[in-house]
């Protein structure tokens, strides 16, 4: 059995050791740059994904065949402003916008050096069929997001800059001579919008995030809402392949007075025939 003196010496040694570690850590922080200080938090837990949200509200959507896809209520729900996507398998078509919010968890600075889209199965599939709904734009957005052509041979995040909205001077965001990065201090949040486009296929992917912390490198994965892959489909080259197409009065020529709440429904072949000459057709009879 240990004597009281031995127990006392053990306790004092433990206190001195902890105190010395704290003093040493403080001294190192005073000498080394913030992003070189080792952290007690694992590098794998240095970034928290706070939210991933689909923020697209204009453009095209595909309603996949299945339950609720063609129940006779879709046009009425869209026209009345009801949550028409609930209970239906809806995929953004042509383009999509996701807002991704991340937060730094480490006591030192985290530097995101690259975000790489990783396709499920390594490639995109053929575009989805089903029914098509179109919500045309009625204004111009001032947001300049990160751009992603997801069905390109080598998809990567790019940016057009303030003067490049025509898409002619897209440059890689994280690589190249003008490479940028995203930094996160402890509890600091950063939100960015990724505008993805697809021209030829149906794509599902996640993002692999590369970052640096405390002189080491690490990786993490960002998935879409609900932990599922992000998904986006190109529109069919021939709209006659859709079961039905839903569109507002802005998409056709109305002979008389009309309301922005007026919506129309045609079969895919009817829609394709009406627009075969490239002109805006008369609105179909309700």
C-alpha atoms as a PDB file:
ATOM      1  CA  UNK A   1       0.000   0.000   0.000  1.00  0.00           C
ATOM      2  CA  UNK A   2       1.315   3.409  -1.035  1.00  0.00           C
ATOM      3  CA  UNK A   3       2.132   5.907   1.691  1.00  0.00           C
ATOM      4  CA  UNK A   4       0.357   9.312   1.881  1.00  0.00           C
ATOM      5  CA  UNK A   5       3.623  10.922   0.844  1.00  0.00           C
ATOM      6  CA  UNK A   6       3.708   8.866  -2.374  1.00  0.00           C
ATOM      7  CA  UNK A   7       0.087   9.791  -3.215  1.00  0.00           C
ATOM      8  CA  UNK A   8       0.832  13.480  -2.597  1.00  0.00           C
ATOM      9  CA  UNK A   9       3.896  13.417  -4.843  1.00  0.00           C
ATOM     10  CA  UNK A  10       1.868  11.739  -7.600  1.00  0.00           C
ATOM     11  CA  UNK A  11      -0.847  14.399  -7.450  1.00  0.00           C
ATOM     12  CA  UNK A  12       1.695  17.233  -7.490  1.00  0.00           C
ATOM     13  CA  UNK A  13       3.477  15.681 -10.481  1.00  0.00           C
ATOM     14  CA  UNK A  14       0.191  15.440 -12.431  1.00  0.00           C
ATOM     15  CA  UNK A  15      -0.664  19.084 -11.694  1.00  0.00           C
ATOM     16  CA  UNK A  16       2.803  20.244 -12.732  1.00  0.00           C
ATOM     17  CA  UNK A  17       2.608  18.210 -15.963  1.00  0.00           C
ATOM     18  CA  UNK A  18      -0.783  19.655 -17.002  1.00  0.00           C
ATOM     19  CA  UNK A  19       0.331  23.190 -16.119  1.00  0.00           C
ATOM     20  CA  UNK A  20       3.537  22.764 -18.128  1.00  0.00           C
ATOM     21  CA  UNK A  21       1.556  21.519 -21.148  1.00  0.00           C
ATOM     22  CA  UNK A  22      -0.753  24.547 -21.004  1.00  0.00           C
ATOM     23  CA  UNK A  23       2.185  26.949 -20.693  1.00  0.00           C
ATOM     24  CA  UNK A  24       3.987  25.226 -23.570  1.00  0.00           C
ATOM     25  CA  UNK A  25       0.901  25.406 -25.791  1.00  0.00           C
ATOM     26  CA  UNK A  26       0.463  29.106 -25.046  1.00  0.00           C
ATOM     27  CA  UNK A  27       4.141  29.736 -25.819  1.00  0.00           C
ATOM     28  CA  UNK A  28       3.943  27.856 -29.112  1.00  0.00           C
ATOM     29  CA  UNK A  29       0.840  29.828 -30.112  1.00  0.00           C
ATOM     30  CA  UNK A  30       2.736  33.041 -29.485  1.00  0.00           C
ATOM     31  CA  UNK A  31       5.579  31.937 -31.785  1.00  0.00           C
ATOM     32  CA  UNK A  32       3.933  29.944 -34.588  1.00  0.00           C
ATOM     33  CA  UNK A  33       1.376  31.226 -37.098  1.00  0.00           C
ATOM     34  CA  UNK A  34      -2.199  30.391 -36.217  1.00  0.00           C
ATOM     35  CA  UNK A  35      -2.524  27.700 -38.848  1.00  0.00           C
ATOM     36  CA  UNK A  36       0.615  25.851 -37.639  1.00  0.00           C
ATOM     37  CA  UNK A  37      -0.466  25.172 -34.063  1.00  0.00           C
ATOM     38  CA  UNK A  38      -1.412  21.538 -33.358  1.00  0.00           C
ATOM     39  CA  UNK A  39      -5.010  21.203 -32.217  1.00  0.00           C
ATOM     40  CA  UNK A  40      -6.549  18.715 -29.807  1.00  0.00           C
ATOM     41  CA  UNK A  41      -9.462  18.282 -32.233  1.00  0.00           C
ATOM     42  CA  UNK A  42      -8.867  15.699 -34.944  1.00  0.00           C
ATOM     43  CA  UNK A  43      -8.224  17.250 -38.375  1.00  0.00           C
ATOM     44  CA  UNK A  44     -11.065  15.072 -39.653  1.00  0.00           C
ATOM     45  CA  UNK A  45     -13.523  17.016 -37.492  1.00  0.00           C
ATOM     46  CA  UNK A  46     -12.229  20.503 -38.237  1.00  0.00           C
ATOM     47  CA  UNK A  47     -15.127  21.490 -40.529  1.00  0.00           C
ATOM     48  CA  UNK A  48     -18.824  21.123 -39.837  1.00  0.00           C
ATOM     49  CA  UNK A  49     -21.396  21.153 -42.649  1.00  0.00           C
ATOM     50  CA  UNK A  50     -24.122  23.360 -41.191  1.00  0.00           C
ATOM     51  CA  UNK A  51     -26.591  23.257 -44.077  1.00  0.00           C
ATOM     52  CA  UNK A  52     -26.982  22.151 -47.681  1.00  0.00           C
ATOM     53  CA  UNK A  53     -30.025  23.688 -49.340  1.00  0.00           C
ATOM     54  CA  UNK A  54     -31.467  23.656 -52.855  1.00  0.00           C
ATOM     55  CA  UNK A  55     -32.126  27.350 -53.560  1.00  0.00           C
ATOM     56  CA  UNK A  56     -33.243  27.098 -57.178  1.00  0.00           C
ATOM     57  CA  UNK A  57     -36.642  28.711 -57.739  1.00  0.00           C
ATOM     58  CA  UNK A  58     -36.719  29.298 -61.505  1.00  0.00           C
ATOM     59  CA  UNK A  59     -35.976  27.152 -64.525  1.00  0.00           C
ATOM     60  CA  UNK A  60     -36.840  23.571 -65.431  1.00  0.00           C
ATOM     61  CA  UNK A  61     -37.707  20.580 -63.256  1.00  0.00           C
ATOM     62  CA  UNK A  62     -38.351  16.945 -64.137  1.00  0.00           C
ATOM     63  CA  UNK A  63     -41.020  15.017 -62.245  1.00  0.00           C
ATOM     64  CA  UNK A  64     -40.004  11.389 -62.520  1.00  0.00           C
ATOM     65  CA  UNK A  65     -42.621   8.805 -63.319  1.00  0.00           C
ATOM     66  CA  UNK A  66     -44.011   7.120 -60.236  1.00  0.00           C
ATOM     67  CA  UNK A  67     -46.301   7.886 -57.324  1.00  0.00           C
ATOM     68  CA  UNK A  68     -47.715  11.401 -57.570  1.00  0.00           C
ATOM     69  CA  UNK A  69     -46.056  12.106 -60.927  1.00  0.00           C
ATOM     70  CA  UNK A  70     -49.255  12.360 -62.946  1.00  0.00           C
ATOM     71  CA  UNK A  71     -52.134  12.545 -60.487  1.00  0.00           C
ATOM     72  CA  UNK A  72     -54.112  15.293 -62.234  1.00  0.00           C
ATOM     73  CA  UNK A  73     -53.377  17.828 -59.490  1.00  0.00           C
ATOM     74  CA  UNK A  74     -49.921  19.024 -60.469  1.00  0.00           C
ATOM     75  CA  UNK A  75     -50.970  21.945 -62.660  1.00  0.00           C
ATOM     76  CA  UNK A  76     -53.515  23.166 -60.093  1.00  0.00           C
ATOM     77  CA  UNK A  77     -50.975  22.972 -57.273  1.00  0.00           C
ATOM     78  CA  UNK A  78     -48.356  24.886 -59.258  1.00  0.00           C
ATOM     79  CA  UNK A  79     -50.842  27.577 -60.326  1.00  0.00           C
ATOM     80  CA  UNK A  80     -52.089  28.092 -56.772  1.00  0.00           C
ATOM     81  CA  UNK A  81     -48.610  28.286 -55.259  1.00  0.00           C
ATOM     82  CA  UNK A  82     -48.988  25.097 -53.237  1.00  0.00           C
ATOM     83  CA  UNK A  83     -45.915  22.975 -52.365  1.00  0.00           C
ATOM     84  CA  UNK A  84     -46.179  20.900 -55.527  1.00  0.00           C
ATOM     85  CA  UNK A  85     -42.875  19.073 -54.991  1.00  0.00           C
ATOM     86  CA  UNK A  86     -44.034  17.320 -51.816  1.00  0.00           C
ATOM     87  CA  UNK A  87     -44.726  13.642 -52.375  1.00  0.00           C
ATOM     88  CA  UNK A  88     -43.152  13.702 -55.836  1.00  0.00           C
ATOM     89  CA  UNK A  89     -39.745  12.655 -57.111  1.00  0.00           C
ATOM     90  CA  UNK A  90     -38.514  15.963 -58.565  1.00  0.00           C
ATOM     91  CA  UNK A  91     -35.064  16.593 -60.062  1.00  0.00           C
ATOM     92  CA  UNK A  92     -33.618  19.930 -61.170  1.00  0.00           C
ATOM     93  CA  UNK A  93     -33.221  20.006 -64.956  1.00  0.00           C
ATOM     94  CA  UNK A  94     -30.660  21.926 -66.982  1.00  0.00           C
ATOM     95  CA  UNK A  95     -29.262  23.790 -64.012  1.00  0.00           C
ATOM     96  CA  UNK A  96     -29.465  23.916 -60.224  1.00  0.00           C
ATOM     97  CA  UNK A  97     -28.339  26.088 -57.325  1.00  0.00           C
ATOM     98  CA  UNK A  98     -27.243  24.771 -53.946  1.00  0.00           C
ATOM     99  CA  UNK A  99     -26.217  26.876 -50.990  1.00  0.00           C
ATOM    100  CA  UNK A 100     -23.618  25.132 -48.838  1.00  0.00           C
ATOM    101  CA  UNK A 101     -22.815  26.499 -45.371  1.00  0.00           C
ATOM    102  CA  UNK A 102     -19.743  25.272 -43.483  1.00  0.00           C
ATOM    103  CA  UNK A 103     -18.287  26.197 -40.097  1.00  0.00           C
ATOM    104  CA  UNK A 104     -14.798  25.966 -38.646  1.00  0.00           C
ATOM    105  CA  UNK A 105     -14.567  23.877 -35.476  1.00  0.00           C
ATOM    106  CA  UNK A 106     -10.834  23.879 -34.787  1.00  0.00           C
ATOM    107  CA  UNK A 107      -9.071  26.418 -32.584  1.00  0.00           C
ATOM    108  CA  UNK A 108      -6.734  27.265 -35.454  1.00  0.00           C
ATOM    109  CA  UNK A 109      -7.513  28.380 -38.962  1.00  0.00           C
ATOM    110  CA  UNK A 110      -8.692  25.844 -41.536  1.00  0.00           C
ATOM    111  CA  UNK A 111      -7.882  26.493 -45.185  1.00  0.00           C
ATOM    112  CA  UNK A 112     -10.046  24.804 -47.849  1.00  0.00           C
ATOM    113  CA  UNK A 113      -7.762  24.282 -50.839  1.00  0.00           C
ATOM    114  CA  UNK A 114     -10.050  22.407 -53.242  1.00  0.00           C
ATOM    115  CA  UNK A 115     -13.591  21.100 -53.624  1.00  0.00           C
ATOM    116  CA  UNK A 116     -13.843  18.318 -56.197  1.00  0.00           C
ATOM    117  CA  UNK A 117     -17.097  16.804 -57.521  1.00  0.00           C
ATOM    118  CA  UNK A 118     -16.976  13.001 -57.471  1.00  0.00           C
ATOM    119  CA  UNK A 119     -19.559  11.358 -59.739  1.00  0.00           C
ATOM    120  CA  UNK A 120     -21.458   8.328 -58.481  1.00  0.00           C
ATOM    121  CA  UNK A 121     -20.385   5.384 -60.618  1.00  0.00           C
ATOM    122  CA  UNK A 122     -17.719   7.530 -62.257  1.00  0.00           C
ATOM    123  CA  UNK A 123     -19.962   8.949 -65.009  1.00  0.00           C
ATOM    124  CA  UNK A 124     -23.357  10.471 -65.782  1.00  0.00           C
ATOM    125  CA  UNK A 125     -26.273   8.486 -67.229  1.00  0.00           C
ATOM    126  CA  UNK A 126     -28.698   9.438 -69.991  1.00  0.00           C
ATOM    127  CA  UNK A 127     -31.112  12.323 -69.207  1.00  0.00           C
ATOM    128  CA  UNK A 128     -34.255  11.554 -67.234  1.00  0.00           C
ATOM    129  CA  UNK A 129     -37.693  11.399 -68.779  1.00  0.00           C
ATOM    130  CA  UNK A 130     -40.985  11.895 -66.956  1.00  0.00           C
ATOM    131  CA  UNK A 131     -42.811  15.228 -66.956  1.00  0.00           C
ATOM    132  CA  UNK A 132     -41.264  18.679 -67.368  1.00  0.00           C
ATOM    133  CA  UNK A 133     -42.230  21.864 -65.499  1.00  0.00           C
ATOM    134  CA  UNK A 134     -40.884  25.308 -66.420  1.00  0.00           C
ATOM    135  CA  UNK A 135     -40.721  28.345 -64.142  1.00  0.00           C
ATOM    136  CA  UNK A 136     -39.301  31.188 -66.288  1.00  0.00           C
ATOM    137  CA  UNK A 137     -37.158  33.943 -64.823  1.00  0.00           C
ATOM    138  CA  UNK A 138     -38.748  37.323 -64.258  1.00  0.00           C
ATOM    139  CA  UNK A 139     -35.618  39.140 -63.137  1.00  0.00           C
ATOM    140  CA  UNK A 140     -31.836  39.073 -62.904  1.00  0.00           C
ATOM    141  CA  UNK A 141     -29.872  37.730 -59.964  1.00  0.00           C
ATOM    142  CA  UNK A 142     -26.849  39.645 -58.658  1.00  0.00           C
ATOM    143  CA  UNK A 143     -25.341  36.573 -57.016  1.00  0.00           C
ATOM    144  CA  UNK A 144     -22.094  35.419 -58.613  1.00  0.00           C
ATOM    145  CA  UNK A 145     -21.817  31.751 -57.603  1.00  0.00           C
ATOM    146  CA  UNK A 146     -19.235  29.075 -58.149  1.00  0.00           C
ATOM    147  CA  UNK A 147     -19.947  27.325 -61.443  1.00  0.00           C
ATOM    148  CA  UNK A 148     -19.922  23.590 -62.161  1.00  0.00           C
ATOM    149  CA  UNK A 149     -20.540  21.861 -65.502  1.00  0.00           C
ATOM    150  CA  UNK A 150     -21.119  18.502 -63.905  1.00  0.00           C
ATOM    151  CA  UNK A 151     -21.238  16.430 -67.108  1.00  0.00           C
ATOM    152  CA  UNK A 152     -18.028  17.947 -68.512  1.00  0.00           C
ATOM    153  CA  UNK A 153     -15.083  15.574 -69.137  1.00  0.00           C
ATOM    154  CA  UNK A 154     -13.294  16.980 -66.057  1.00  0.00           C
ATOM    155  CA  UNK A 155     -15.855  18.760 -63.875  1.00  0.00           C
ATOM    156  CA  UNK A 156     -14.435  21.381 -61.515  1.00  0.00           C
ATOM    157  CA  UNK A 157     -15.591  24.482 -59.698  1.00  0.00           C
ATOM    158  CA  UNK A 158     -15.050  27.675 -61.660  1.00  0.00           C
ATOM    159  CA  UNK A 159     -15.907  31.347 -61.387  1.00  0.00           C
ATOM    160  CA  UNK A 160     -16.740  33.937 -64.014  1.00  0.00           C
ATOM    161  CA  UNK A 161     -15.979  36.990 -61.910  1.00  0.00           C
ATOM    162  CA  UNK A 162     -17.959  40.201 -61.825  1.00  0.00           C
ATOM    163  CA  UNK A 163     -17.480  40.982 -65.512  1.00  0.00           C
ATOM    164  CA  UNK A 164     -17.776  37.475 -66.894  1.00  0.00           C
ATOM    165  CA  UNK A 165     -21.462  36.682 -66.681  1.00  0.00           C
ATOM    166  CA  UNK A 166     -21.494  35.679 -70.352  1.00  0.00           C
ATOM    167  CA  UNK A 167     -19.504  32.599 -69.363  1.00  0.00           C
ATOM    168  CA  UNK A 168     -16.618  33.254 -71.771  1.00  0.00           C
ATOM    169  CA  UNK A 169     -13.883  33.704 -69.196  1.00  0.00           C
ATOM    170  CA  UNK A 170     -14.605  30.982 -66.666  1.00  0.00           C
ATOM    171  CA  UNK A 171     -11.549  30.237 -64.550  1.00  0.00           C
ATOM    172  CA  UNK A 172     -10.848  27.482 -62.013  1.00  0.00           C
ATOM    173  CA  UNK A 173     -11.537  28.723 -58.509  1.00  0.00           C
ATOM    174  CA  UNK A 174      -9.169  26.546 -56.488  1.00  0.00           C
ATOM    175  CA  UNK A 175      -6.426  25.810 -59.054  1.00  0.00           C
ATOM    176  CA  UNK A 176      -4.371  27.650 -61.660  1.00  0.00           C
ATOM    177  CA  UNK A 177      -2.404  30.905 -61.553  1.00  0.00           C
ATOM    178  CA  UNK A 178      -5.269  32.757 -59.855  1.00  0.00           C
ATOM    179  CA  UNK A 179      -6.104  30.012 -57.359  1.00  0.00           C
ATOM    180  CA  UNK A 180      -8.163  31.007 -54.349  1.00  0.00           C
ATOM    181  CA  UNK A 181      -9.045  29.286 -51.091  1.00  0.00           C
ATOM    182  CA  UNK A 182     -11.635  29.510 -48.338  1.00  0.00           C
ATOM    183  CA  UNK A 183     -10.477  30.070 -44.758  1.00  0.00           C
ATOM    184  CA  UNK A 184     -12.416  29.273 -41.603  1.00  0.00           C
ATOM    185  CA  UNK A 185     -11.533  30.390 -38.101  1.00  0.00           C
ATOM    186  CA  UNK A 186     -13.068  28.712 -35.068  1.00  0.00           C
ATOM    187  CA  UNK A 187     -16.891  29.060 -35.116  1.00  0.00           C
ATOM    188  CA  UNK A 188     -16.703  31.113 -38.320  1.00  0.00           C
ATOM    189  CA  UNK A 189     -19.276  30.190 -40.959  1.00  0.00           C
ATOM    190  CA  UNK A 190     -18.985  30.574 -44.704  1.00  0.00           C
ATOM    191  CA  UNK A 191     -21.824  30.109 -47.189  1.00  0.00           C
ATOM    192  CA  UNK A 192     -21.342  29.748 -50.918  1.00  0.00           C
ATOM    193  CA  UNK A 193     -23.651  28.941 -53.820  1.00  0.00           C
ATOM    194  CA  UNK A 194     -22.750  26.352 -56.451  1.00  0.00           C
ATOM    195  CA  UNK A 195     -24.548  26.806 -59.765  1.00  0.00           C
ATOM    196  CA  UNK A 196     -24.389  23.448 -61.548  1.00  0.00           C
ATOM    197  CA  UNK A 197     -25.359  22.774 -65.160  1.00  0.00           C
ATOM    198  CA  UNK A 198     -25.859  19.596 -67.179  1.00  0.00           C
ATOM    199  CA  UNK A 199     -26.198  19.496 -70.961  1.00  0.00           C
ATOM    200  CA  UNK A 200     -25.999  15.819 -71.874  1.00  0.00           C
ATOM    201  CA  UNK A 201     -26.736  13.518 -68.949  1.00  0.00           C
ATOM    202  CA  UNK A 202     -28.252  12.718 -65.573  1.00  0.00           C
ATOM    203  CA  UNK A 203     -25.590  13.089 -62.899  1.00  0.00           C
ATOM    204  CA  UNK A 204     -25.325  12.206 -59.219  1.00  0.00           C
ATOM    205  CA  UNK A 205     -22.310  13.307 -57.196  1.00  0.00           C
ATOM    206  CA  UNK A 206     -20.804  14.354 -53.889  1.00  0.00           C
ATOM    207  CA  UNK A 207     -18.014  16.822 -53.154  1.00  0.00           C
ATOM    208  CA  UNK A 208     -14.613  15.826 -51.814  1.00  0.00           C
ATOM    209  CA  UNK A 209     -13.216  18.726 -49.791  1.00  0.00           C
ATOM    210  CA  UNK A 210      -9.442  19.073 -49.399  1.00  0.00           C
ATOM    211  CA  UNK A 211      -8.192  21.296 -46.591  1.00  0.00           C
ATOM    212  CA  UNK A 212      -5.161  22.158 -44.490  1.00  0.00           C
ATOM    213  CA  UNK A 213      -4.981  22.553 -40.726  1.00  0.00           C
ATOM    214  CA  UNK A 214      -2.029  22.747 -38.364  1.00  0.00           C
ATOM    215  CA  UNK A 215       0.446  21.920 -41.123  1.00  0.00           C
ATOM    216  CA  UNK A 216      -1.400  18.739 -42.122  1.00  0.00           C
ATOM    217  CA  UNK A 217      -3.844  17.934 -44.913  1.00  0.00           C
ATOM    218  CA  UNK A 218      -7.201  16.211 -44.582  1.00  0.00           C
ATOM    219  CA  UNK A 219     -10.330  15.414 -46.579  1.00  0.00           C
ATOM    220  CA  UNK A 220     -14.057  15.297 -45.985  1.00  0.00           C
ATOM    221  CA  UNK A 221     -17.193  14.685 -48.055  1.00  0.00           C
ATOM    222  CA  UNK A 222     -20.179  16.970 -48.588  1.00  0.00           C
ATOM    223  CA  UNK A 223     -23.401  15.265 -49.647  1.00  0.00           C
ATOM    224  CA  UNK A 224     -26.684  16.736 -50.784  1.00  0.00           C
ATOM    225  CA  UNK A 225     -29.782  17.331 -48.636  1.00  0.00           C
ATOM    226  CA  UNK A 226     -30.632  14.360 -46.432  1.00  0.00           C
ATOM    227  CA  UNK A 227     -27.199  12.804 -46.972  1.00  0.00           C
ATOM    228  CA  UNK A 228     -28.114  11.811 -50.525  1.00  0.00           C
ATOM    229  CA  UNK A 229     -25.958  12.611 -53.568  1.00  0.00           C
ATOM    230  CA  UNK A 230     -26.546  15.854 -55.412  1.00  0.00           C
ATOM    231  CA  UNK A 231     -28.454  15.177 -58.621  1.00  0.00           C
ATOM    232  CA  UNK A 232     -29.152  17.064 -61.823  1.00  0.00           C
ATOM    233  CA  UNK A 233     -30.442  16.013 -65.227  1.00  0.00           C
ATOM    234  CA  UNK A 234     -30.011  17.563 -68.640  1.00  0.00           C
ATOM    235  CA  UNK A 235     -33.226  18.271 -70.510  1.00  0.00           C
ATOM    236  CA  UNK A 236     -34.196  15.885 -73.281  1.00  0.00           C
ATOM    237  CA  UNK A 237     -33.090  17.151 -76.692  1.00  0.00           C
ATOM    238  CA  UNK A 238     -36.552  16.258 -78.007  1.00  0.00           C
ATOM    239  CA  UNK A 239     -39.315  17.407 -75.624  1.00  0.00           C
ATOM    240  CA  UNK A 240     -41.725  14.930 -77.203  1.00  0.00           C
ATOM    241  CA  UNK A 241     -40.048  12.368 -74.960  1.00  0.00           C
ATOM    242  CA  UNK A 242     -41.735  13.848 -71.879  1.00  0.00           C
ATOM    243  CA  UNK A 243     -45.032  12.505 -70.650  1.00  0.00           C
ATOM    244  CA  UNK A 244     -46.360  16.006 -69.975  1.00  0.00           C
ATOM    245  CA  UNK A 245     -45.049  19.575 -69.927  1.00  0.00           C
ATOM    246  CA  UNK A 246     -46.306  22.275 -67.542  1.00  0.00           C
ATOM    247  CA  UNK A 247     -45.679  25.959 -68.277  1.00  0.00           C
ATOM    248  CA  UNK A 248     -47.083  29.419 -67.394  1.00  0.00           C
ATOM    249  CA  UNK A 249     -48.672  32.100 -69.576  1.00  0.00           C
ATOM    250  CA  UNK A 250     -45.251  33.757 -69.887  1.00  0.00           C
ATOM    251  CA  UNK A 251     -44.214  30.831 -72.102  1.00  0.00           C
ATOM    252  CA  UNK A 252     -46.880  31.372 -74.762  1.00  0.00           C
ATOM    253  CA  UNK A 253     -48.826  34.086 -76.568  1.00  0.00           C
ATOM    254  CA  UNK A 254     -52.162  34.752 -74.896  1.00  0.00           C
ATOM    255  CA  UNK A 255     -54.923  36.202 -77.133  1.00  0.00           C
ATOM    256  CA  UNK A 256     -56.453  38.319 -74.380  1.00  0.00           C
ATOM    257  CA  UNK A 257     -56.042  39.271 -70.757  1.00  0.00           C
ATOM    258  CA  UNK A 258     -54.007  36.839 -68.715  1.00  0.00           C
ATOM    259  CA  UNK A 259     -52.707  36.370 -65.210  1.00  0.00           C
ATOM    260  CA  UNK A 260     -49.239  35.265 -64.065  1.00  0.00           C
ATOM    261  CA  UNK A 261     -51.062  32.505 -62.223  1.00  0.00           C
ATOM    262  CA  UNK A 262     -52.327  30.950 -65.467  1.00  0.00           C
ATOM    263  CA  UNK A 263     -50.648  27.604 -66.114  1.00  0.00           C
ATOM    264  CA  UNK A 264     -51.038  25.155 -68.987  1.00  0.00           C
ATOM    265  CA  UNK A 265     -50.502  21.465 -69.535  1.00  0.00           C
ATOM    266  CA  UNK A 266     -49.638  19.610 -72.750  1.00  0.00           C
ATOM    267  CA  UNK A 267     -48.341  16.181 -73.605  1.00  0.00           C
ATOM    268  CA  UNK A 268     -44.712  16.057 -74.643  1.00  0.00           C
ATOM    269  CA  UNK A 269     -45.555  15.498 -78.334  1.00  0.00           C
ATOM    270  CA  UNK A 270     -48.090  18.375 -78.299  1.00  0.00           C
ATOM    271  CA  UNK A 271     -45.539  20.697 -76.716  1.00  0.00           C
ATOM    272  CA  UNK A 272     -42.852  19.714 -79.245  1.00  0.00           C
ATOM    273  CA  UNK A 273     -45.137  20.214 -82.255  1.00  0.00           C
ATOM    274  CA  UNK A 274     -46.300  23.639 -81.036  1.00  0.00           C
ATOM    275  CA  UNK A 275     -42.690  24.853 -80.808  1.00  0.00           C
ATOM    276  CA  UNK A 276     -41.189  23.059 -83.781  1.00  0.00           C
ATOM    277  CA  UNK A 277     -40.677  26.312 -85.741  1.00  0.00           C
ATOM    278  CA  UNK A 278     -38.736  27.949 -82.913  1.00  0.00           C
ATOM    279  CA  UNK A 279     -41.367  30.631 -82.305  1.00  0.00           C
ATOM    280  CA  UNK A 280     -43.374  31.251 -79.146  1.00  0.00           C
ATOM    281  CA  UNK A 281     -46.718  29.506 -79.812  1.00  0.00           C
ATOM    282  CA  UNK A 282     -50.224  30.608 -78.845  1.00  0.00           C
ATOM    283  CA  UNK A 283     -51.328  29.463 -75.423  1.00  0.00           C
ATOM    284  CA  UNK A 284     -53.321  26.228 -75.597  1.00  0.00           C
ATOM    285  CA  UNK A 285     -57.001  26.311 -74.827  1.00  0.00           C
ATOM    286  CA  UNK A 286     -57.686  25.647 -71.183  1.00  0.00           C
END
